[in-house]
Amino acid sequence: DMVIGIERNQQDEDLKNQSTVRILKNRFSGETGLACHLEFNLNT
């Protein structure tokens, strides 16, 4: 029904904890594309 891709550049020291969430398929509404950006906090 939905396909969600999570992308991140593990090789870039400044960006390695940031991910891009992309909706690749959405059977419910048809909306696809960039969803948001997330950052992983190593401490929490």
All heavy atoms as atom14 arrays in JSON, in Angstrom:
{
  "sequence": "DMVIGIERNQQDEDLKNQSTVRILKNRFSGETGLACHLEFNLNT",
  "atom14_mask": [
    [1, 1, 1, 1, 1, 1, 1, 1, 0, 0, 0, 0, 0, 0],
    [1, 1, 1, 1, 1, 1, 1, 1, 0, 0, 0, 0, 0, 0],
    [1, 1, 1, 1, 1, 1, 1, 0, 0, 0, 0, 0, 0, 0],
    [1, 1, 1, 1, 1, 1, 1, 1, 0, 0, 0, 0, 0, 0],
    [1, 1, 1, 1, 0, 0, 0, 0, 0, 0, 0, 0, 0, 0],
    [1, 1, 1, 1, 1, 1, 1, 1, 0, 0, 0, 0, 0, 0],
    [1, 1, 1, 1, 1, 1, 1, 1, 1, 0, 0, 0, 0, 0],
    [1, 1, 1, 1, 1, 1, 1, 1, 1, 1, 1, 0, 0, 0],
    [1, 1, 1, 1, 1, 1, 1, 1, 0, 0, 0, 0, 0, 0],
    [1, 1, 1, 1, 1, 1, 1, 1, 1, 0, 0, 0, 0, 0],
    [1, 1, 1, 1, 1, 1, 1, 1, 1, 0, 0, 0, 0, 0],
    [1, 1, 1, 1, 1, 1, 1, 1, 0, 0, 0, 0, 0, 0],
    [1, 1, 1, 1, 1, 1, 1, 1, 1, 0, 0, 0, 0, 0],
    [1, 1, 1, 1, 1, 1, 1, 1, 0, 0, 0, 0, 0, 0],
    [1, 1, 1, 1, 1, 1, 1, 1, 0, 0, 0, 0, 0, 0],
    [1, 1, 1, 1, 1, 1, 1, 1, 1, 0, 0, 0, 0, 0],
    [1, 1, 1, 1, 1, 1, 1, 1, 0, 0, 0, 0, 0, 0],
    [1, 1, 1, 1, 1, 1, 1, 1, 1, 0, 0, 0, 0, 0],
    [1, 1, 1, 1, 1, 1, 0, 0, 0, 0, 0, 0, 0, 0],
    [1, 1, 1, 1, 1, 1, 1, 0, 0, 0, 0, 0, 0, 0],
    [1, 1, 1, 1, 1, 1, 1, 0, 0, 0, 0, 0, 0, 0],
    [1, 1, 1, 1, 1, 1, 1, 1, 1, 1, 1, 0, 0, 0],
    [1, 1, 1, 1, 1, 1, 1, 1, 0, 0, 0, 0, 0, 0],
    [1, 1, 1, 1, 1, 1, 1, 1, 0, 0, 0, 0, 0, 0],
    [1, 1, 1, 1, 1, 1, 1, 1, 1, 0, 0, 0, 0, 0],
    [1, 1, 1, 1, 1, 1, 1, 1, 0, 0, 0, 0, 0, 0],
    [1, 1, 1, 1, 1, 1, 1, 1, 1, 1, 1, 0, 0, 0],
    [1, 1, 1, 1, 1, 1, 1, 1, 1, 1, 1, 0, 0, 0],
    [1, 1, 1, 1, 1, 1, 0, 0, 0, 0, 0, 0, 0, 0],
    [1, 1, 1, 1, 0, 0, 0, 0, 0, 0, 0, 0, 0, 0],
    [1, 1, 1, 1, 1, 1, 1, 1, 1, 0, 0, 0, 0, 0],
    [1, 1, 1, 1, 1, 1, 1, 0, 0, 0, 0, 0, 0, 0],
    [1, 1, 1, 1, 0, 0, 0, 0, 0, 0, 0, 0, 0, 0],
    [1, 1, 1, 1, 1, 1, 1, 1, 0, 0, 0, 0, 0, 0],
    [1, 1, 1, 1, 1, 0, 0, 0, 0, 0, 0, 0, 0, 0],
    [1, 1, 1, 1, 1, 1, 0, 0, 0, 0, 0, 0, 0, 0],
    [1, 1, 1, 1, 1, 1, 1, 1, 1, 1, 0, 0, 0, 0],
    [1, 1, 1, 1, 1, 1, 1, 1, 0, 0, 0, 0, 0, 0],
    [1, 1, 1, 1, 1, 1, 1, 1, 1, 0, 0, 0, 0, 0],
    [1, 1, 1, 1, 1, 1, 1, 1, 1, 1, 1, 0, 0, 0],
    [1, 1, 1, 1, 1, 1, 1, 1, 0, 0, 0, 0, 0, 0],
    [1, 1, 1, 1, 1, 1, 1, 1, 0, 0, 0, 0, 0, 0],
    [1, 1, 1, 1, 1, 1, 1, 1, 0, 0, 0, 0, 0, 0],
    [1, 1, 1, 1, 1, 1, 1, 0, 0, 0, 0, 0, 0, 0]
  ],
  "atom14_positions": [
    [[0.83, -1.2, 0.0], [0.0, 0.0, 0.0], [0.87, 1.25, 0.0], [0.51, 2.24, -0.61], [-0.91, 0.03, 1.23], [-2.04, -0.99, 1.13], [-2.51, -1.25, 0.01], [-2.44, -1.53, 2.18], [0.0, 0.0, 0.0], [0.0, 0.0, 0.0], [0.0, 0.0, 0.0], [0.0, 0.0, 0.0], [0.0, 0.0, 0.0], [0.0, 0.0, 0.0]],
    [[1.97, 1.18, 0.73], [2.89, 2.32, 0.8], [4.31, 1.8, 0.73], [4.61, 0.72, 1.25], [2.72, 3.11, 2.1], [1.39, 3.79, 2.22], [1.4, 5.09, 3.45], [2.41, 6.31, 2.7], [0.0, 0.0, 0.0], [0.0, 0.0, 0.0], [0.0, 0.0, 0.0], [0.0, 0.0, 0.0], [0.0, 0.0, 0.0], [0.0, 0.0, 0.0]],
    [[5.17, 2.57, 0.09], [6.6, 2.27, 0.08], [7.31, 3.55, 0.5], [7.09, 4.62, -0.08], [7.09, 1.81, -1.3], [8.59, 1.54, -1.27], [6.33, 0.57, -1.75], [0.0, 0.0, 0.0], [0.0, 0.0, 0.0], [0.0, 0.0, 0.0], [0.0, 0.0, 0.0], [0.0, 0.0, 0.0], [0.0, 0.0, 0.0], [0.0, 0.0, 0.0]],
    [[8.12, 3.44, 1.54], [8.84, 4.58, 2.08], [10.33, 4.3, 2.01], [10.78, 3.24, 2.47], [8.42, 4.84, 3.55], [6.92, 5.09, 3.62], [9.23, 5.99, 4.15], [6.35, 5.11, 5.02], [0.0, 0.0, 0.0], [0.0, 0.0, 0.0], [0.0, 0.0, 0.0], [0.0, 0.0, 0.0], [0.0, 0.0, 0.0], [0.0, 0.0, 0.0]],
    [[11.07, 5.21, 1.41], [12.52, 5.08, 1.33], [13.18, 6.02, 2.32], [12.73, 7.15, 2.52], [0.0, 0.0, 0.0], [0.0, 0.0, 0.0], [0.0, 0.0, 0.0], [0.0, 0.0, 0.0], [0.0, 0.0, 0.0], [0.0, 0.0, 0.0], [0.0, 0.0, 0.0], [0.0, 0.0, 0.0], [0.0, 0.0, 0.0], [0.0, 0.0, 0.0]],
    [[14.22, 5.55, 2.96], [14.99, 6.38, 3.88], [16.42, 6.44, 3.36], [17.07, 5.41, 3.2], [14.95, 5.84, 5.32], [13.49, 5.76, 5.8], [15.79, 6.73, 6.25], [13.32, 5.15, 7.16], [0.0, 0.0, 0.0], [0.0, 0.0, 0.0], [0.0, 0.0, 0.0], [0.0, 0.0, 0.0], [0.0, 0.0, 0.0], [0.0, 0.0, 0.0]],
    [[16.87, 7.65, 3.08], [18.19, 7.87, 2.46], [19.08, 8.63, 3.43], [18.6, 9.51, 4.15], [18.04, 8.72, 1.19], [17.0, 8.2, 0.23], [16.46, 9.27, -0.7], [16.84, 10.46, -0.58], [15.62, 8.93, -1.54], [0.0, 0.0, 0.0], [0.0, 0.0, 0.0], [0.0, 0.0, 0.0], [0.0, 0.0, 0.0], [0.0, 0.0, 0.0]],
    [[20.37, 8.29, 3.43], [21.32, 9.11, 4.18], [22.72, 8.9, 3.63], [23.04, 7.86, 3.08], [21.25, 8.86, 5.67], [22.09, 7.78, 6.22], [21.83, 7.63, 7.71], [22.23, 6.29, 8.09], [23.28, 6.02, 8.82], [24.05, 6.98, 9.29], [23.59, 4.79, 9.1], [0.0, 0.0, 0.0], [0.0, 0.0, 0.0], [0.0, 0.0, 0.0]],
    [[23.52, 9.92, 3.79], [24.9, 9.88, 3.33], [25.77, 9.53, 4.53], [26.14, 10.4, 5.32], [25.31, 11.21, 2.72], [26.67, 11.15, 2.08], [27.47, 10.26, 2.37], [26.95, 12.1, 1.21], [0.0, 0.0, 0.0], [0.0, 0.0, 0.0], [0.0, 0.0, 0.0], [0.0, 0.0, 0.0], [0.0, 0.0, 0.0], [0.0, 0.0, 0.0]],
    [[26.11, 8.26, 4.64], [26.9, 7.79, 5.77], [28.35, 8.24, 5.7], [29.08, 8.17, 6.69], [26.89, 6.26, 5.81], [25.54, 5.65, 5.94], [25.58, 4.14, 5.74], [26.63, 3.55, 5.54], [24.43, 3.51, 5.82], [0.0, 0.0, 0.0], [0.0, 0.0, 0.0], [0.0, 0.0, 0.0], [0.0, 0.0, 0.0], [0.0, 0.0, 0.0]],
    [[28.78, 8.71, 4.55], [30.19, 9.07, 4.33], [30.48, 10.53, 4.66], [31.63, 10.91, 4.81], [30.58, 8.79, 2.88], [30.22, 7.39, 2.39], [30.68, 6.28, 3.3], [31.83, 6.27, 3.73], [29.8, 5.35, 3.61], [0.0, 0.0, 0.0], [0.0, 0.0, 0.0], [0.0, 0.0, 0.0], [0.0, 0.0, 0.0], [0.0, 0.0, 0.0]],
    [[29.47, 11.37, 4.74], [29.65, 12.8, 5.0], [29.59, 13.06, 6.5], [28.56, 12.86, 7.14], [28.55, 13.59, 4.27], [28.75, 15.08, 4.35], [29.08, 15.6, 5.45], [28.56, 15.75, 3.32], [0.0, 0.0, 0.0], [0.0, 0.0, 0.0], [0.0, 0.0, 0.0], [0.0, 0.0, 0.0], [0.0, 0.0, 0.0], [0.0, 0.0, 0.0]],
    [[30.69, 13.51, 7.08], [30.76, 13.72, 8.53], [29.71, 14.7, 9.04], [29.2, 14.54, 10.15], [32.15, 14.21, 8.93], [33.19, 13.11, 8.96], [32.86, 11.97, 9.92], [32.44, 12.26, 11.06], [32.99, 10.81, 9.53], [0.0, 0.0, 0.0], [0.0, 0.0, 0.0], [0.0, 0.0, 0.0], [0.0, 0.0, 0.0], [0.0, 0.0, 0.0]],
    [[29.36, 15.71, 8.25], [28.37, 16.71, 8.68], [26.94, 16.2, 8.56], [26.05, 16.69, 9.25], [28.52, 17.99, 7.87], [29.85, 18.68, 8.14], [30.34, 18.62, 9.28], [30.41, 19.28, 7.19], [0.0, 0.0, 0.0], [0.0, 0.0, 0.0], [0.0, 0.0, 0.0], [0.0, 0.0, 0.0], [0.0, 0.0, 0.0], [0.0, 0.0, 0.0]],
    [[26.7, 15.24, 7.67], [25.33, 14.81, 7.38], [25.02, 13.36, 7.75], [23.9, 12.91, 7.57], [25.05, 14.99, 5.87], [25.2, 16.4, 5.32], [25.02, 16.41, 3.81], [24.21, 17.34, 5.99], [0.0, 0.0, 0.0], [0.0, 0.0, 0.0], [0.0, 0.0, 0.0], [0.0, 0.0, 0.0], [0.0, 0.0, 0.0], [0.0, 0.0, 0.0]],
    [[26.0, 12.63, 8.27], [25.82, 11.19, 8.45], [24.71, 10.8, 9.42], [24.23, 9.67, 9.38], [27.13, 10.52, 8.83], [27.65, 10.86, 10.2], [28.96, 10.14, 10.45], [29.49, 10.47, 11.82], [30.76, 9.78, 12.04], [0.0, 0.0, 0.0], [0.0, 0.0, 0.0], [0.0, 0.0, 0.0], [0.0, 0.0, 0.0], [0.0, 0.0, 0.0]],
    [[24.27, 11.69, 10.27], [23.17, 11.4, 11.2], [21.83, 11.94, 10.71], [20.85, 11.89, 11.44], [23.49, 11.93, 12.59], [24.64, 11.19, 13.23], [24.78, 9.98, 13.05], [25.49, 11.9, 13.94], [0.0, 0.0, 0.0], [0.0, 0.0, 0.0], [0.0, 0.0, 0.0], [0.0, 0.0, 0.0], [0.0, 0.0, 0.0], [0.0, 0.0, 0.0]],
    [[21.83, 12.48, 9.49], [20.59, 13.02, 8.92], [20.06, 12.1, 7.83], [20.83, 11.58, 7.03], [20.82, 14.4, 8.34], [21.16, 15.43, 9.39], [21.28, 16.81, 8.8], [20.81, 17.08, 7.71], [21.9, 17.7, 9.54], [0.0, 0.0, 0.0], [0.0, 0.0, 0.0], [0.0, 0.0, 0.0], [0.0, 0.0, 0.0], [0.0, 0.0, 0.0]],
    [[18.77, 11.9, 7.82], [18.13, 11.04, 6.82], [17.03, 11.81, 6.11], [16.38, 12.68, 6.69], [17.5, 9.81, 7.48], [18.48, 9.03, 8.11], [0.0, 0.0, 0.0], [0.0, 0.0, 0.0], [0.0, 0.0, 0.0], [0.0, 0.0, 0.0], [0.0, 0.0, 0.0], [0.0, 0.0, 0.0], [0.0, 0.0, 0.0], [0.0, 0.0, 0.0]],
    [[16.82, 11.44, 4.86], [15.71, 11.97, 4.07], [14.68, 10.86, 3.94], [15.01, 9.73, 3.58], [16.19, 12.39, 2.67], [17.17, 13.42, 2.82], [15.05, 12.89, 1.81], [0.0, 0.0, 0.0], [0.0, 0.0, 0.0], [0.0, 0.0, 0.0], [0.0, 0.0, 0.0], [0.0, 0.0, 0.0], [0.0, 0.0, 0.0], [0.0, 0.0, 0.0]],
    [[13.42, 11.18, 4.24], [12.32, 10.22, 4.11], [11.55, 10.58, 2.85], [11.11, 11.72, 2.68], [11.4, 10.26, 5.35], [10.25, 9.28, 5.2], [12.2, 9.98, 6.62], [0.0, 0.0, 0.0], [0.0, 0.0, 0.0], [0.0, 0.0, 0.0], [0.0, 0.0, 0.0], [0.0, 0.0, 0.0], [0.0, 0.0, 0.0], [0.0, 0.0, 0.0]],
    [[11.42, 9.59, 1.97], [10.78, 9.81, 0.68], [9.64, 8.8, 0.5], [9.85, 7.6, 0.68], [11.81, 9.64, -0.43], [11.38, 10.06, -1.8], [12.52, 10.0, -2.8], [13.73, 10.68, -2.36], [13.94, 12.0, -2.43], [12.99, 12.78, -2.92], [15.08, 12.53, -2.02], [0.0, 0.0, 0.0], [0.0, 0.0, 0.0], [0.0, 0.0, 0.0]],
    [[8.45, 9.27, 0.17], [7.31, 8.4, -0.11], [7.4, 8.0, -1.58], [7.31, 8.84, -2.47], [5.96, 9.1, 0.18], [5.93, 9.69, 1.58], [4.8, 8.13, -0.06], [6.16, 8.72, 2.71], [0.0, 0.0, 0.0], [0.0, 0.0, 0.0], [0.0, 0.0, 0.0], [0.0, 0.0, 0.0], [0.0, 0.0, 0.0], [0.0, 0.0, 0.0]],
    [[7.6, 6.71, -1.82], [7.76, 6.2, -3.18], [6.43, 5.7, -3.76], [6.25, 5.69, -4.98], [8.79, 5.07, -3.2], [10.15, 5.42, -2.61], [11.05, 4.2, -2.58], [10.8, 6.55, -3.39], [0.0, 0.0, 0.0], [0.0, 0.0, 0.0], [0.0, 0.0, 0.0], [0.0, 0.0, 0.0], [0.0, 0.0, 0.0], [0.0, 0.0, 0.0]],
    [[5.53, 5.26, -2.88], [4.2, 4.82, -3.31], [3.23, 5.1, -2.19], [3.55, 4.91, -1.02], [4.21, 3.33, -3.62], [2.83, 2.81, -4.03], [2.85, 1.34, -4.33], [1.45, 0.88, -4.71], [1.44, -0.56, -5.02], [0.0, 0.0, 0.0], [0.0, 0.0, 0.0], [0.0, 0.0, 0.0], [0.0, 0.0, 0.0], [0.0, 0.0, 0.0]],
    [[2.04, 5.55, -2.57], [1.0, 5.83, -1.59], [-0.34, 5.49, -2.22], [-0.92, 6.29, -2.95], [1.05, 7.31, -1.18], [0.06, 7.64, -0.1], [-0.9, 6.92, 0.13], [0.28, 8.77, 0.54], [0.0, 0.0, 0.0], [0.0, 0.0, 0.0], [0.0, 0.0, 0.0], [0.0, 0.0, 0.0], [0.0, 0.0, 0.0], [0.0, 0.0, 0.0]],
    [[-0.8, 4.29, -1.96], [-2.05, 3.83, -2.55], [-3.26, 4.59, -2.0], [-4.3, 4.66, -2.63], [-2.21, 2.33, -2.27], [-3.33, 1.66, -3.03], [-3.35, 0.18, -2.75], [-2.09, -0.41, -3.12], [-1.95, -1.43, -3.95], [-2.99, -1.98, -4.48], [-0.76, -1.92, -4.22], [0.0, 0.0, 0.0], [0.0, 0.0, 0.0], [0.0, 0.0, 0.0]],
    [[-3.12, 5.17, -0.81], [-4.26, 5.8, -0.16], [-4.59, 7.17, -0.76], [-5.74, 7.48, -0.99], [-4.01, 5.91, 1.34], [-3.75, 4.58, 1.98], [-2.5, 4.26, 2.47], [-4.75, 3.62, 2.06], [-2.25, 3.02, 3.03], [-4.5, 2.38, 2.63], [-3.25, 2.08, 3.12], [0.0, 0.0, 0.0], [0.0, 0.0, 0.0], [0.0, 0.0, 0.0]],
    [[-3.59, 8.0, -1.0], [-3.86, 9.33, -1.52], [-3.14, 9.63, -2.83], [-3.45, 10.61, -3.48], [-3.46, 10.4, -0.49], [-2.03, 10.48, -0.4], [0.0, 0.0, 0.0], [0.0, 0.0, 0.0], [0.0, 0.0, 0.0], [0.0, 0.0, 0.0], [0.0, 0.0, 0.0], [0.0, 0.0, 0.0], [0.0, 0.0, 0.0], [0.0, 0.0, 0.0]],
    [[-2.16, 8.82, -3.17], [-1.39, 9.06, -4.38], [-0.27, 10.07, -4.22], [0.53, 10.26, -5.12], [0.0, 0.0, 0.0], [0.0, 0.0, 0.0], [0.0, 0.0, 0.0], [0.0, 0.0, 0.0], [0.0, 0.0, 0.0], [0.0, 0.0, 0.0], [0.0, 0.0, 0.0], [0.0, 0.0, 0.0], [0.0, 0.0, 0.0], [0.0, 0.0, 0.0]],
    [[-0.21, 10.7, -3.04], [0.85, 11.69, -2.81], [2.19, 10.99, -2.61], [2.3, 10.08, -1.8], [0.53, 12.53, -1.58], [-0.71, 13.38, -1.74], [-1.05, 14.09, -0.45], [-1.65, 13.44, 0.42], [-0.69, 15.28, -0.33], [0.0, 0.0, 0.0], [0.0, 0.0, 0.0], [0.0, 0.0, 0.0], [0.0, 0.0, 0.0], [0.0, 0.0, 0.0]],
    [[3.19, 11.41, -3.35], [4.53, 10.84, -3.24], [5.55, 11.98, -3.21], [5.21, 13.13, -3.43], [4.85, 9.89, -4.41], [4.75, 10.62, -5.63], [3.91, 8.7, -4.43], [0.0, 0.0, 0.0], [0.0, 0.0, 0.0], [0.0, 0.0, 0.0], [0.0, 0.0, 0.0], [0.0, 0.0, 0.0], [0.0, 0.0, 0.0], [0.0, 0.0, 0.0]],
    [[6.78, 11.62, -2.95], [7.87, 12.6, -2.95], [8.46, 12.77, -1.57], [8.26, 11.96, -0.66], [0.0, 0.0, 0.0], [0.0, 0.0, 0.0], [0.0, 0.0, 0.0], [0.0, 0.0, 0.0], [0.0, 0.0, 0.0], [0.0, 0.0, 0.0], [0.0, 0.0, 0.0], [0.0, 0.0, 0.0], [0.0, 0.0, 0.0], [0.0, 0.0, 0.0]],
    [[9.21, 13.84, -1.41], [9.9, 14.14, -0.16], [8.9, 14.31, 0.98], [7.94, 15.06, 0.87], [10.72, 15.42, -0.33], [11.55, 15.85, 0.86], [12.61, 14.81, 1.18], [12.2, 17.19, 0.59], [0.0, 0.0, 0.0], [0.0, 0.0, 0.0], [0.0, 0.0, 0.0], [0.0, 0.0, 0.0], [0.0, 0.0, 0.0], [0.0, 0.0, 0.0]],
    [[9.13, 13.58, 2.07], [8.23, 13.66, 3.23], [8.81, 14.54, 4.32], [8.15, 15.45, 4.81], [7.94, 12.27, 3.78], [0.0, 0.0, 0.0], [0.0, 0.0, 0.0], [0.0, 0.0, 0.0], [0.0, 0.0, 0.0], [0.0, 0.0, 0.0], [0.0, 0.0, 0.0], [0.0, 0.0, 0.0], [0.0, 0.0, 0.0], [0.0, 0.0, 0.0]],
    [[10.06, 14.27, 4.71], [10.69, 15.05, 5.77], [12.17, 14.68, 5.87], [12.64, 13.81, 5.16], [10.0, 14.82, 7.11], [10.21, 13.15, 7.79], [0.0, 0.0, 0.0], [0.0, 0.0, 0.0], [0.0, 0.0, 0.0], [0.0, 0.0, 0.0], [0.0, 0.0, 0.0], [0.0, 0.0, 0.0], [0.0, 0.0, 0.0], [0.0, 0.0, 0.0]],
    [[12.84, 15.35, 6.78], [14.23, 15.06, 7.11], [14.3, 14.74, 8.6], [13.64, 15.4, 9.41], [15.14, 16.25, 6.78], [15.12, 16.6, 5.34], [15.88, 15.95, 4.4], [14.42, 17.52, 4.66], [15.66, 16.46, 3.21], [14.77, 17.42, 3.34], [0.0, 0.0, 0.0], [0.0, 0.0, 0.0], [0.0, 0.0, 0.0], [0.0, 0.0, 0.0]],
    [[15.08, 13.74, 8.94], [15.22, 13.32, 10.33], [16.68, 13.35, 10.73], [17.57, 13.14, 9.91], [14.69, 11.9, 10.51], [13.25, 11.64, 10.13], [12.94, 10.15, 10.21], [12.3, 12.42, 11.03], [0.0, 0.0, 0.0], [0.0, 0.0, 0.0], [0.0, 0.0, 0.0], [0.0, 0.0, 0.0], [0.0, 0.0, 0.0], [0.0, 0.0, 0.0]],
    [[16.89, 13.6, 12.03], [18.26, 13.53, 12.55], [18.27, 12.56, 13.72], [17.42, 12.6, 14.59], [18.74, 14.9, 13.02], [20.18, 14.88, 13.51], [20.73, 16.26, 13.74], [20.09, 17.03, 14.5], [21.77, 16.57, 13.17], [0.0, 0.0, 0.0], [0.0, 0.0, 0.0], [0.0, 0.0, 0.0], [0.0, 0.0, 0.0], [0.0, 0.0, 0.0]],
    [[19.29, 11.68, 13.72], [19.46, 10.71, 14.79], [20.35, 11.32, 15.85], [21.45, 11.79, 15.57], [20.09, 9.42, 14.26], [20.29, 8.39, 15.32], [19.2, 7.71, 15.85], [21.55, 8.09, 15.8], [19.38, 6.75, 16.84], [21.73, 7.14, 16.79], [20.64, 6.47, 17.31], [0.0, 0.0, 0.0], [0.0, 0.0, 0.0], [0.0, 0.0, 0.0]],
    [[19.88, 11.31, 17.1], [20.64, 11.83, 18.22], [21.33, 10.65, 18.9], [20.67, 9.78, 19.47], [19.72, 12.55, 19.2], [20.46, 13.19, 20.34], [21.33, 12.58, 20.96], [20.1, 14.43, 20.64], [0.0, 0.0, 0.0], [0.0, 0.0, 0.0], [0.0, 0.0, 0.0], [0.0, 0.0, 0.0], [0.0, 0.0, 0.0], [0.0, 0.0, 0.0]],
    [[22.65, 10.62, 18.83], [23.42, 9.52, 19.39], [23.26, 9.41, 20.9], [23.35, 8.31, 21.47], [24.91, 9.68, 19.05], [25.25, 9.54, 17.57], [26.66, 10.03, 17.29], [25.09, 8.09, 17.15], [0.0, 0.0, 0.0], [0.0, 0.0, 0.0], [0.0, 0.0, 0.0], [0.0, 0.0, 0.0], [0.0, 0.0, 0.0], [0.0, 0.0, 0.0]],
    [[23.02, 10.52, 21.59], [22.89, 10.51, 23.06], [21.56, 9.95, 23.53], [21.49, 9.26, 24.54], [23.1, 11.91, 23.62], [24.5, 12.42, 23.37], [25.47, 11.67, 23.46], [24.63, 13.69, 23.02], [0.0, 0.0, 0.0], [0.0, 0.0, 0.0], [0.0, 0.0, 0.0], [0.0, 0.0, 0.0], [0.0, 0.0, 0.0], [0.0, 0.0, 0.0]],
    [[20.48, 10.27, 22.79], [19.15, 9.84, 23.22], [18.65, 8.61, 22.47], [17.72, 7.95, 22.92], [18.12, 10.97, 23.03], [18.0, 11.25, 21.63], [18.52, 12.22, 23.81], [0.0, 0.0, 0.0], [0.0, 0.0, 0.0], [0.0, 0.0, 0.0], [0.0, 0.0, 0.0], [0.0, 0.0, 0.0], [0.0, 0.0, 0.0], [0.0, 0.0, 0.0]]
  ]
}
